[in-house]
Amino acid sequence: MYRWFHEITGDLRTEMKGLRWLLIRKQDLEKATAAWMFAELDGTLIGVEHRGSKFISGIHNRAIHLLLVDNDEGITGITKVVKDGELIDHLW
């Protein structure tokens, strides 16, 4: 089961319970700090759709399990980085 971060309108922690994946769009990364923290505590995997602009590695890398980008050069610390298809095509 997955859910997009931008679709969560209620209490984040409550709505994340039981999720296998929380998917985040690039434009929502700055607002998603609490989601990364809760995901790590609750065992939810994080996927980020980041096509259309350069991904800048940072502290959030350690919380991301799946990253969809245009260019994967120099990206480290993420379980799986892909360049094709849709994010949901690569969930496990």
PDB file of N, CA and C in Angstrom:
ATOM      1  N   MET A   1       0.842  -1.167   0.000  1.00  0.00           N
ATOM      2  CA  MET A   1       0.000   0.000   0.000  1.00  0.00           C
ATOM      3  C   MET A   1       0.900   1.246   0.000  1.00  0.00           C
ATOM      4  N   TYR A   2       0.525   2.234  -0.796  1.00  0.00           N
ATOM      5  CA  TYR A   2       1.284   3.482  -0.836  1.00  0.00           C
ATOM      6  C   TYR A   2       0.335   4.672  -0.770  1.00  0.00           C
ATOM      7  N   ARG A   3       0.926   5.816  -0.454  1.00  0.00           N
ATOM      8  CA  ARG A   3       0.157   7.061  -0.393  1.00  0.00           C
ATOM      9  C   ARG A   3       1.088   8.198  -0.770  1.00  0.00           C
ATOM     10  N   TRP A   4       0.574   9.189  -1.459  1.00  0.00           N
ATOM     11  CA  TRP A   4       1.336  10.375  -1.811  1.00  0.00           C
ATOM     12  C   TRP A   4       1.266  11.375  -0.663  1.00  0.00           C
ATOM     13  N   PHE A   5       2.403  11.931  -0.292  1.00  0.00           N
ATOM     14  CA  PHE A   5       2.494  12.906   0.793  1.00  0.00           C
ATOM     15  C   PHE A   5       1.550  14.082   0.579  1.00  0.00           C
ATOM     16  N   HIS A   6       1.481  14.600  -0.631  1.00  0.00           N
ATOM     17  CA  HIS A   6       0.662  15.790  -0.890  1.00  0.00           C
ATOM     18  C   HIS A   6      -0.836  15.513  -0.763  1.00  0.00           C
ATOM     19  N   GLU A   7      -1.238  14.273  -0.729  1.00  0.00           N
ATOM     20  CA  GLU A   7      -2.653  13.920  -0.584  1.00  0.00           C
ATOM     21  C   GLU A   7      -3.079  13.768   0.878  1.00  0.00           C
ATOM     22  N   ILE A   8      -2.123  13.784   1.784  1.00  0.00           N
ATOM     23  CA  ILE A   8      -2.439  13.637   3.205  1.00  0.00           C
ATOM     24  C   ILE A   8      -2.942  14.977   3.739  1.00  0.00           C
ATOM     25  N   THR A   9      -4.168  14.961   4.223  1.00  0.00           N
ATOM     26  CA  THR A   9      -4.781  16.195   4.707  1.00  0.00           C
ATOM     27  C   THR A   9      -5.010  16.182   6.217  1.00  0.00           C
ATOM     28  N   GLY A  10      -5.021  14.998   6.799  1.00  0.00           N
ATOM     29  CA  GLY A  10      -5.230  14.884   8.247  1.00  0.00           C
ATOM     30  C   GLY A  10      -3.899  14.789   8.971  1.00  0.00           C
ATOM     31  N   ASP A  11      -3.933  14.183  10.144  1.00  0.00           N
ATOM     32  CA  ASP A  11      -2.740  13.991  10.953  1.00  0.00           C
ATOM     33  C   ASP A  11      -1.760  13.066  10.225  1.00  0.00           C
ATOM     34  N   LEU A  12      -0.578  13.578   9.960  1.00  0.00           N
ATOM     35  CA  LEU A  12       0.426  12.847   9.187  1.00  0.00           C
ATOM     36  C   LEU A  12       0.745  11.494   9.804  1.00  0.00           C
ATOM     37  N   ARG A  13       1.034  11.463  11.068  1.00  0.00           N
ATOM     38  CA  ARG A  13       1.435  10.211  11.726  1.00  0.00           C
ATOM     39  C   ARG A  13       0.315   9.177  11.664  1.00  0.00           C
ATOM     40  N   THR A  14      -0.898   9.603  11.888  1.00  0.00           N
ATOM     41  CA  THR A  14      -2.043   8.693  11.837  1.00  0.00           C
ATOM     42  C   THR A  14      -2.220   8.130  10.430  1.00  0.00           C
ATOM     43  N   GLU A  15      -2.131   8.986   9.430  1.00  0.00           N
ATOM     44  CA  GLU A  15      -2.364   8.548   8.055  1.00  0.00           C
ATOM     45  C   GLU A  15      -1.219   7.709   7.501  1.00  0.00           C
ATOM     46  N   MET A  16      -0.035   7.802   8.108  1.00  0.00           N
ATOM     47  CA  MET A  16       1.100   7.003   7.653  1.00  0.00           C
ATOM     48  C   MET A  16       1.100   5.595   8.250  1.00  0.00           C
ATOM     49  N   LYS A  17       0.399   5.401   9.351  1.00  0.00           N
ATOM     50  CA  LYS A  17       0.403   4.085  10.006  1.00  0.00           C
ATOM     51  C   LYS A  17      -0.086   3.008   9.038  1.00  0.00           C
ATOM     52  N   GLY A  18       0.671   1.956   8.941  1.00  0.00           N
ATOM     53  CA  GLY A  18       0.300   0.841   8.096  1.00  0.00           C
ATOM     54  C   GLY A  18       0.722   0.972   6.643  1.00  0.00           C
ATOM     55  N   LEU A  19       1.301   2.105   6.258  1.00  0.00           N
ATOM     56  CA  LEU A  19       1.754   2.274   4.871  1.00  0.00           C
ATOM     57  C   LEU A  19       3.063   1.530   4.637  1.00  0.00           C
ATOM     58  N   ARG A  20       3.174   0.905   3.499  1.00  0.00           N
ATOM     59  CA  ARG A  20       4.455   0.338   3.083  1.00  0.00           C
ATOM     60  C   ARG A  20       5.323   1.444   2.481  1.00  0.00           C
ATOM     61  N   TRP A  21       4.709   2.332   1.682  1.00  0.00           N
ATOM     62  CA  TRP A  21       5.415   3.402   0.984  1.00  0.00           C
ATOM     63  C   TRP A  21       4.732   4.740   1.184  1.00  0.00           C
ATOM     64  N   LEU A  22       5.546   5.762   1.396  1.00  0.00           N
ATOM     65  CA  LEU A  22       5.090   7.146   1.317  1.00  0.00           C
ATOM     66  C   LEU A  22       5.843   7.755   0.144  1.00  0.00           C
ATOM     67  N   LEU A  23       5.107   8.266  -0.827  1.00  0.00           N
ATOM     68  CA  LEU A  23       5.705   8.832  -2.034  1.00  0.00           C
ATOM     69  C   LEU A  23       5.659  10.352  -1.962  1.00  0.00           C
ATOM     70  N   ILE A  24       6.777  10.974  -2.328  1.00  0.00           N
ATOM     71  CA  ILE A  24       6.905  12.421  -2.197  1.00  0.00           C
ATOM     72  C   ILE A  24       7.344  13.017  -3.527  1.00  0.00           C
ATOM     73  N   ARG A  25       6.662  14.083  -3.956  1.00  0.00           N
ATOM     74  CA  ARG A  25       7.066  14.813  -5.160  1.00  0.00           C
ATOM     75  C   ARG A  25       8.190  15.766  -4.798  1.00  0.00           C
ATOM     76  N   LYS A  26       9.030  16.106  -5.791  1.00  0.00           N
ATOM     77  CA  LYS A  26      10.173  16.991  -5.528  1.00  0.00           C
ATOM     78  C   LYS A  26       9.751  18.310  -4.892  1.00  0.00           C
ATOM     79  N   GLN A  27       8.627  18.860  -5.300  1.00  0.00           N
ATOM     80  CA  GLN A  27       8.190  20.146  -4.761  1.00  0.00           C
ATOM     81  C   GLN A  27       7.732  20.051  -3.304  1.00  0.00           C
ATOM     82  N   ASP A  28       7.543  18.843  -2.805  1.00  0.00           N
ATOM     83  CA  ASP A  28       7.103  18.659  -1.422  1.00  0.00           C
ATOM     84  C   ASP A  28       8.233  18.289  -0.465  1.00  0.00           C
ATOM     85  N   LEU A  29       9.452  18.115  -0.974  1.00  0.00           N
ATOM     86  CA  LEU A  29      10.562  17.677  -0.127  1.00  0.00           C
ATOM     87  C   LEU A  29      10.790  18.583   1.076  1.00  0.00           C
ATOM     88  N   GLU A  30      10.746  19.880   0.882  1.00  0.00           N
ATOM     89  CA  GLU A  30      11.010  20.810   1.986  1.00  0.00           C
ATOM     90  C   GLU A  30       9.965  20.715   3.094  1.00  0.00           C
ATOM     91  N   LYS A  31       8.758  20.300   2.748  1.00  0.00           N
ATOM     92  CA  LYS A  31       7.677  20.193   3.730  1.00  0.00           C
ATOM     93  C   LYS A  31       7.610  18.805   4.374  1.00  0.00           C
ATOM     94  N   ALA A  32       8.461  17.889   3.951  1.00  0.00           N
ATOM     95  CA  ALA A  32       8.318  16.486   4.332  1.00  0.00           C
ATOM     96  C   ALA A  32       9.246  16.019   5.454  1.00  0.00           C
ATOM     97  N   THR A  33       9.890  16.916   6.159  1.00  0.00           N
ATOM     98  CA  THR A  33      10.831  16.509   7.202  1.00  0.00           C
ATOM     99  C   THR A  33      10.172  15.607   8.244  1.00  0.00           C
ATOM    100  N   ALA A  34       9.002  15.952   8.706  1.00  0.00           N
ATOM    101  CA  ALA A  34       8.306  15.128   9.700  1.00  0.00           C
ATOM    102  C   ALA A  34       7.975  13.755   9.128  1.00  0.00           C
ATOM    103  N   ALA A  35       7.647  13.712   7.859  1.00  0.00           N
ATOM    104  CA  ALA A  35       7.336  12.433   7.217  1.00  0.00           C
ATOM    105  C   ALA A  35       8.545  11.511   7.234  1.00  0.00           C
ATOM    106  N   TRP A  36       9.739  12.044   6.965  1.00  0.00           N
ATOM    107  CA  TRP A  36      10.950  11.199   6.992  1.00  0.00           C
ATOM    108  C   TRP A  36      11.185  10.647   8.384  1.00  0.00           C
ATOM    109  N   MET A  37      11.006  11.483   9.393  1.00  0.00           N
ATOM    110  CA  MET A  37      11.236  11.051  10.772  1.00  0.00           C
ATOM    111  C   MET A  37      10.258   9.947  11.159  1.00  0.00           C
ATOM    112  N   PHE A  38       8.981  10.158  10.889  1.00  0.00           N
ATOM    113  CA  PHE A  38       7.982   9.154  11.235  1.00  0.00           C
ATOM    114  C   PHE A  38       8.167   7.877  10.426  1.00  0.00           C
ATOM    115  N   ALA A  39       8.525   8.020   9.162  1.00  0.00           N
ATOM    116  CA  ALA A  39       8.715   6.848   8.310  1.00  0.00           C
ATOM    117  C   ALA A  39       9.797   5.940   8.871  1.00  0.00           C
ATOM    118  N   GLU A  40      10.884   6.532   9.305  1.00  0.00           N
ATOM    119  CA  GLU A  40      11.973   5.736   9.872  1.00  0.00           C
ATOM    120  C   GLU A  40      11.526   5.026  11.144  1.00  0.00           C
ATOM    121  N   LEU A  41      10.777   5.715  11.985  1.00  0.00           N
ATOM    122  CA  LEU A  41      10.300   5.121  13.232  1.00  0.00           C
ATOM    123  C   LEU A  41       9.296   4.000  12.991  1.00  0.00           C
ATOM    124  N   ASP A  42       8.428   4.170  11.996  1.00  0.00           N
ATOM    125  CA  ASP A  42       7.336   3.225  11.755  1.00  0.00           C
ATOM    126  C   ASP A  42       7.637   2.168  10.695  1.00  0.00           C
ATOM    127  N   GLY A  43       8.789   2.260  10.043  1.00  0.00           N
ATOM    128  CA  GLY A  43       9.143   1.265   9.033  1.00  0.00           C
ATOM    129  C   GLY A  43       8.520   1.508   7.670  1.00  0.00           C
ATOM    130  N   THR A  44       8.066   2.721   7.408  1.00  0.00           N
ATOM    131  CA  THR A  44       7.515   3.067   6.093  1.00  0.00           C
ATOM    132  C   THR A  44       8.657   3.429   5.162  1.00  0.00           C
ATOM    133  N   LEU A  45       8.621   2.934   3.939  1.00  0.00           N
ATOM    134  CA  LEU A  45       9.639   3.255   2.951  1.00  0.00           C
ATOM    135  C   LEU A  45       9.276   4.555   2.247  1.00  0.00           C
ATOM    136  N   ILE A  46      10.303   5.327   1.875  1.00  0.00           N
ATOM    137  CA  ILE A  46      10.104   6.619   1.219  1.00  0.00           C
ATOM    138  C   ILE A  46      10.557   6.543  -0.233  1.00  0.00           C
ATOM    139  N   GLY A  47       9.692   6.979  -1.138  1.00  0.00           N
ATOM    140  CA  GLY A  47      10.018   7.103  -2.556  1.00  0.00           C
ATOM    141  C   GLY A  47       9.859   8.552  -2.975  1.00  0.00           C
ATOM    142  N   VAL A  48      10.800   9.062  -3.773  1.00  0.00           N
ATOM    143  CA  VAL A  48      10.750  10.456  -4.200  1.00  0.00           C
ATOM    144  C   VAL A  48      10.781  10.535  -5.718  1.00  0.00           C
ATOM    145  N   GLU A  49       9.829  11.259  -6.295  1.00  0.00           N
ATOM    146  CA  GLU A  49       9.776  11.542  -7.730  1.00  0.00           C
ATOM    147  C   GLU A  49      10.442  12.892  -7.927  1.00  0.00           C
ATOM    148  N   HIS A  50      11.629  12.885  -8.548  1.00  0.00           N
ATOM    149  CA  HIS A  50      12.421  14.121  -8.634  1.00  0.00           C
ATOM    150  C   HIS A  50      12.862  14.440 -10.061  1.00  0.00           C
ATOM    151  N   ARG A  51      12.101  14.018 -11.041  1.00  0.00           N
ATOM    152  CA  ARG A  51      12.461  14.350 -12.423  1.00  0.00           C
ATOM    153  C   ARG A  51      12.168  15.813 -12.700  1.00  0.00           C
ATOM    154  N   GLY A  52      12.915  16.382 -13.642  1.00  0.00           N
ATOM    155  CA  GLY A  52      12.674  17.752 -14.064  1.00  0.00           C
ATOM    156  C   GLY A  52      13.604  18.774 -13.456  1.00  0.00           C
ATOM    157  N   SER A  53      14.361  18.381 -12.442  1.00  0.00           N
ATOM    158  CA  SER A  53      15.363  19.273 -11.871  1.00  0.00           C
ATOM    159  C   SER A  53      16.445  18.426 -11.202  1.00  0.00           C
ATOM    160  N   LYS A  54      17.591  19.028 -10.993  1.00  0.00           N
ATOM    161  CA  LYS A  54      18.725  18.312 -10.416  1.00  0.00           C
ATOM    162  C   LYS A  54      18.444  17.967  -8.958  1.00  0.00           C
ATOM    163  N   PHE A  55      18.686  16.713  -8.592  1.00  0.00           N
ATOM    164  CA  PHE A  55      18.548  16.280  -7.214  1.00  0.00           C
ATOM    165  C   PHE A  55      19.800  16.685  -6.453  1.00  0.00           C
ATOM    166  N   ILE A  56      19.624  17.375  -5.352  1.00  0.00           N
ATOM    167  CA  ILE A  56      20.747  17.793  -4.515  1.00  0.00           C
ATOM    168  C   ILE A  56      20.765  16.909  -3.281  1.00  0.00           C
ATOM    169  N   SER A  57      21.834  16.128  -3.172  1.00  0.00           N
ATOM    170  CA  SER A  57      21.966  15.230  -2.030  1.00  0.00           C
ATOM    171  C   SER A  57      22.040  16.025  -0.737  1.00  0.00           C
ATOM    172  N   GLY A  58      21.522  15.425   0.313  1.00  0.00           N
ATOM    173  CA  GLY A  58      21.531  16.064   1.623  1.00  0.00           C
ATOM    174  C   GLY A  58      21.228  15.045   2.698  1.00  0.00           C
ATOM    175  N   ILE A  59      20.921  15.535   3.874  1.00  0.00           N
ATOM    176  CA  ILE A  59      20.631  14.658   4.999  1.00  0.00           C
ATOM    177  C   ILE A  59      19.432  13.757   4.715  1.00  0.00           C
ATOM    178  N   HIS A  60      18.525  14.222   3.859  1.00  0.00           N
ATOM    179  CA  HIS A  60      17.333  13.436   3.537  1.00  0.00           C
ATOM    180  C   HIS A  60      17.670  12.163   2.749  1.00  0.00           C
ATOM    181  N   ASN A  61      18.865  12.068   2.163  1.00  0.00           N
ATOM    182  CA  ASN A  61      19.232  10.870   1.405  1.00  0.00           C
ATOM    183  C   ASN A  61      19.079   9.598   2.233  1.00  0.00           C
ATOM    184  N   ARG A  62      19.431   9.666   3.490  1.00  0.00           N
ATOM    185  CA  ARG A  62      19.399   8.447   4.309  1.00  0.00           C
ATOM    186  C   ARG A  62      17.984   7.951   4.555  1.00  0.00           C
ATOM    187  N   ALA A  63      16.987   8.803   4.367  1.00  0.00           N
ATOM    188  CA  ALA A  63      15.594   8.409   4.580  1.00  0.00           C
ATOM    189  C   ALA A  63      14.918   7.935   3.298  1.00  0.00           C
ATOM    190  N   ILE A  64      15.565   8.152   2.151  1.00  0.00           N
ATOM    191  CA  ILE A  64      14.956   7.807   0.867  1.00  0.00           C
ATOM    192  C   ILE A  64      15.374   6.401   0.450  1.00  0.00           C
ATOM    193  N   HIS A  65      14.392   5.592   0.088  1.00  0.00           N
ATOM    194  CA  HIS A  65      14.661   4.225  -0.352  1.00  0.00           C
ATOM    195  C   HIS A  65      14.607   4.089  -1.868  1.00  0.00           C
ATOM    196  N   LEU A  66      13.817   4.925  -2.510  1.00  0.00           N
ATOM    197  CA  LEU A  66      13.640   4.871  -3.956  1.00  0.00           C
ATOM    198  C   LEU A  66      13.595   6.297  -4.488  1.00  0.00           C
ATOM    199  N   LEU A  67      14.394   6.563  -5.524  1.00  0.00           N
ATOM    200  CA  LEU A  67      14.475   7.911  -6.084  1.00  0.00           C
ATOM    201  C   LEU A  67      14.381   7.815  -7.598  1.00  0.00           C
ATOM    202  N   LEU A  68      13.471   8.580  -8.180  1.00  0.00           N
ATOM    203  CA  LEU A  68      13.308   8.651  -9.631  1.00  0.00           C
ATOM    204  C   LEU A  68      13.838   9.999 -10.100  1.00  0.00           C
ATOM    205  N   VAL A  69      14.887   9.965 -10.941  1.00  0.00           N
ATOM    206  CA  VAL A  69      15.566  11.181 -11.394  1.00  0.00           C
ATOM    207  C   VAL A  69      15.836  11.116 -12.891  1.00  0.00           C
ATOM    208  N   ASP A  70      16.238  12.253 -13.449  1.00  0.00           N
ATOM    209  CA  ASP A  70      16.674  12.295 -14.842  1.00  0.00           C
ATOM    210  C   ASP A  70      18.130  11.863 -14.970  1.00  0.00           C
ATOM    211  N   ASN A  71      18.954  12.228 -13.979  1.00  0.00           N
ATOM    212  CA  ASN A  71      20.381  11.953 -14.016  1.00  0.00           C
ATOM    213  C   ASN A  71      20.801  11.422 -12.648  1.00  0.00           C
ATOM    214  N   ASP A  72      21.353  10.209 -12.624  1.00  0.00           N
ATOM    215  CA  ASP A  72      21.699   9.591 -11.344  1.00  0.00           C
ATOM    216  C   ASP A  72      23.177   9.738 -10.960  1.00  0.00           C
ATOM    217  N   GLU A  73      23.912  10.564 -11.654  1.00  0.00           N
ATOM    218  CA  GLU A  73      25.339  10.727 -11.366  1.00  0.00           C
ATOM    219  C   GLU A  73      25.562  11.378 -10.015  1.00  0.00           C
ATOM    220  N   GLY A  74      26.438  10.775  -9.224  1.00  0.00           N
ATOM    221  CA  GLY A  74      26.836  11.350  -7.948  1.00  0.00           C
ATOM    222  C   GLY A  74      25.847  11.205  -6.816  1.00  0.00           C
ATOM    223  N   ILE A  75      24.785  10.460  -6.995  1.00  0.00           N
ATOM    224  CA  ILE A  75      23.798  10.278  -5.928  1.00  0.00           C
ATOM    225  C   ILE A  75      24.176   9.033  -5.140  1.00  0.00           C
ATOM    226  N   THR A  76      24.366   9.195  -3.841  1.00  0.00           N
ATOM    227  CA  THR A  76      24.736   8.072  -2.980  1.00  0.00           C
ATOM    228  C   THR A  76      23.826   8.022  -1.759  1.00  0.00           C
ATOM    229  N   GLY A  77      23.842   6.902  -1.086  1.00  0.00           N
ATOM    230  CA  GLY A  77      23.103   6.764   0.161  1.00  0.00           C
ATOM    231  C   GLY A  77      21.637   6.439   0.004  1.00  0.00           C
ATOM    232  N   ILE A  78      21.202   6.122  -1.201  1.00  0.00           N
ATOM    233  CA  ILE A  78      19.802   5.779  -1.465  1.00  0.00           C
ATOM    234  C   ILE A  78      19.766   4.348  -1.981  1.00  0.00           C
ATOM    235  N   THR A  79      18.843   3.549  -1.474  1.00  0.00           N
ATOM    236  CA  THR A  79      18.786   2.131  -1.817  1.00  0.00           C
ATOM    237  C   THR A  79      18.674   1.893  -3.314  1.00  0.00           C
ATOM    238  N   LYS A  80      17.750   2.567  -3.990  1.00  0.00           N
ATOM    239  CA  LYS A  80      17.540   2.343  -5.421  1.00  0.00           C
ATOM    240  C   LYS A  80      17.275   3.671  -6.122  1.00  0.00           C
ATOM    241  N   VAL A  81      18.072   3.962  -7.140  1.00  0.00           N
ATOM    242  CA  VAL A  81      17.902   5.167  -7.951  1.00  0.00           C
ATOM    243  C   VAL A  81      17.581   4.718  -9.370  1.00  0.00           C
ATOM    244  N   VAL A  82      16.480   5.222  -9.923  1.00  0.00           N
ATOM    245  CA  VAL A  82      16.045   4.819 -11.265  1.00  0.00           C
ATOM    246  C   VAL A  82      15.799   6.042 -12.129  1.00  0.00           C
ATOM    247  N   LYS A  83      15.823   5.810 -13.450  1.00  0.00           N
ATOM    248  CA  LYS A  83      15.650   6.916 -14.396  1.00  0.00           C
ATOM    249  C   LYS A  83      14.503   6.693 -15.378  1.00  0.00           C
ATOM    250  N   ASP A  84      13.782   5.604 -15.247  1.00  0.00           N
ATOM    251  CA  ASP A  84      12.736   5.335 -16.239  1.00  0.00           C
ATOM    252  C   ASP A  84      11.430   4.926 -15.573  1.00  0.00           C
ATOM    253  N   GLY A  85      10.353   5.047 -16.324  1.00  0.00           N
ATOM    254  CA  GLY A  85       9.040   4.640 -15.838  1.00  0.00           C
ATOM    255  C   GLY A  85       8.457   5.628 -14.839  1.00  0.00           C
ATOM    256  N   GLU A  86       7.529   5.138 -14.055  1.00  0.00           N
ATOM    257  CA  GLU A  86       6.890   5.932 -13.013  1.00  0.00           C
ATOM    258  C   GLU A  86       7.359   5.392 -11.665  1.00  0.00           C
ATOM    259  N   LEU A  87       7.284   6.205 -10.659  1.00  0.00           N
ATOM    260  CA  LEU A  87       7.739   5.802  -9.321  1.00  0.00           C
ATOM    261  C   LEU A  87       7.069   4.518  -8.858  1.00  0.00           C
ATOM    262  N   ILE A  88       5.766   4.423  -9.047  1.00  0.00           N
ATOM    263  CA  ILE A  88       5.049   3.228  -8.569  1.00  0.00           C
ATOM    264  C   ILE A  88       5.452   1.957  -9.308  1.00  0.00           C
ATOM    265  N   ASP A  89       6.064   2.100 -10.491  1.00  0.00           N
ATOM    266  CA  ASP A  89       6.544   0.936 -11.242  1.00  0.00           C
ATOM    267  C   ASP A  89       7.695   0.240 -10.524  1.00  0.00           C
ATOM    268  N   HIS A  90       8.379   0.939  -9.629  1.00  0.00           N
ATOM    269  CA  HIS A  90       9.596   0.418  -9.006  1.00  0.00           C
ATOM    270  C   HIS A  90       9.429   0.084  -7.529  1.00  0.00           C
ATOM    271  N   LEU A  91       8.228   0.183  -6.979  1.00  0.00           N
ATOM    272  CA  LEU A  91       8.004  -0.145  -5.583  1.00  0.00           C
ATOM    273  C   LEU A  91       8.204  -1.632  -5.343  1.00  0.00           C
ATOM    274  N   TRP A  92       8.667  -1.990  -4.179  1.00  0.00           N
ATOM    275  CA  TRP A  92       8.815  -3.398  -3.825  1.00  0.00           C
ATOM    276  C   TRP A  92       8.155  -3.682  -2.506  1.00  0.00           C
TER     277      TRP A  92
END
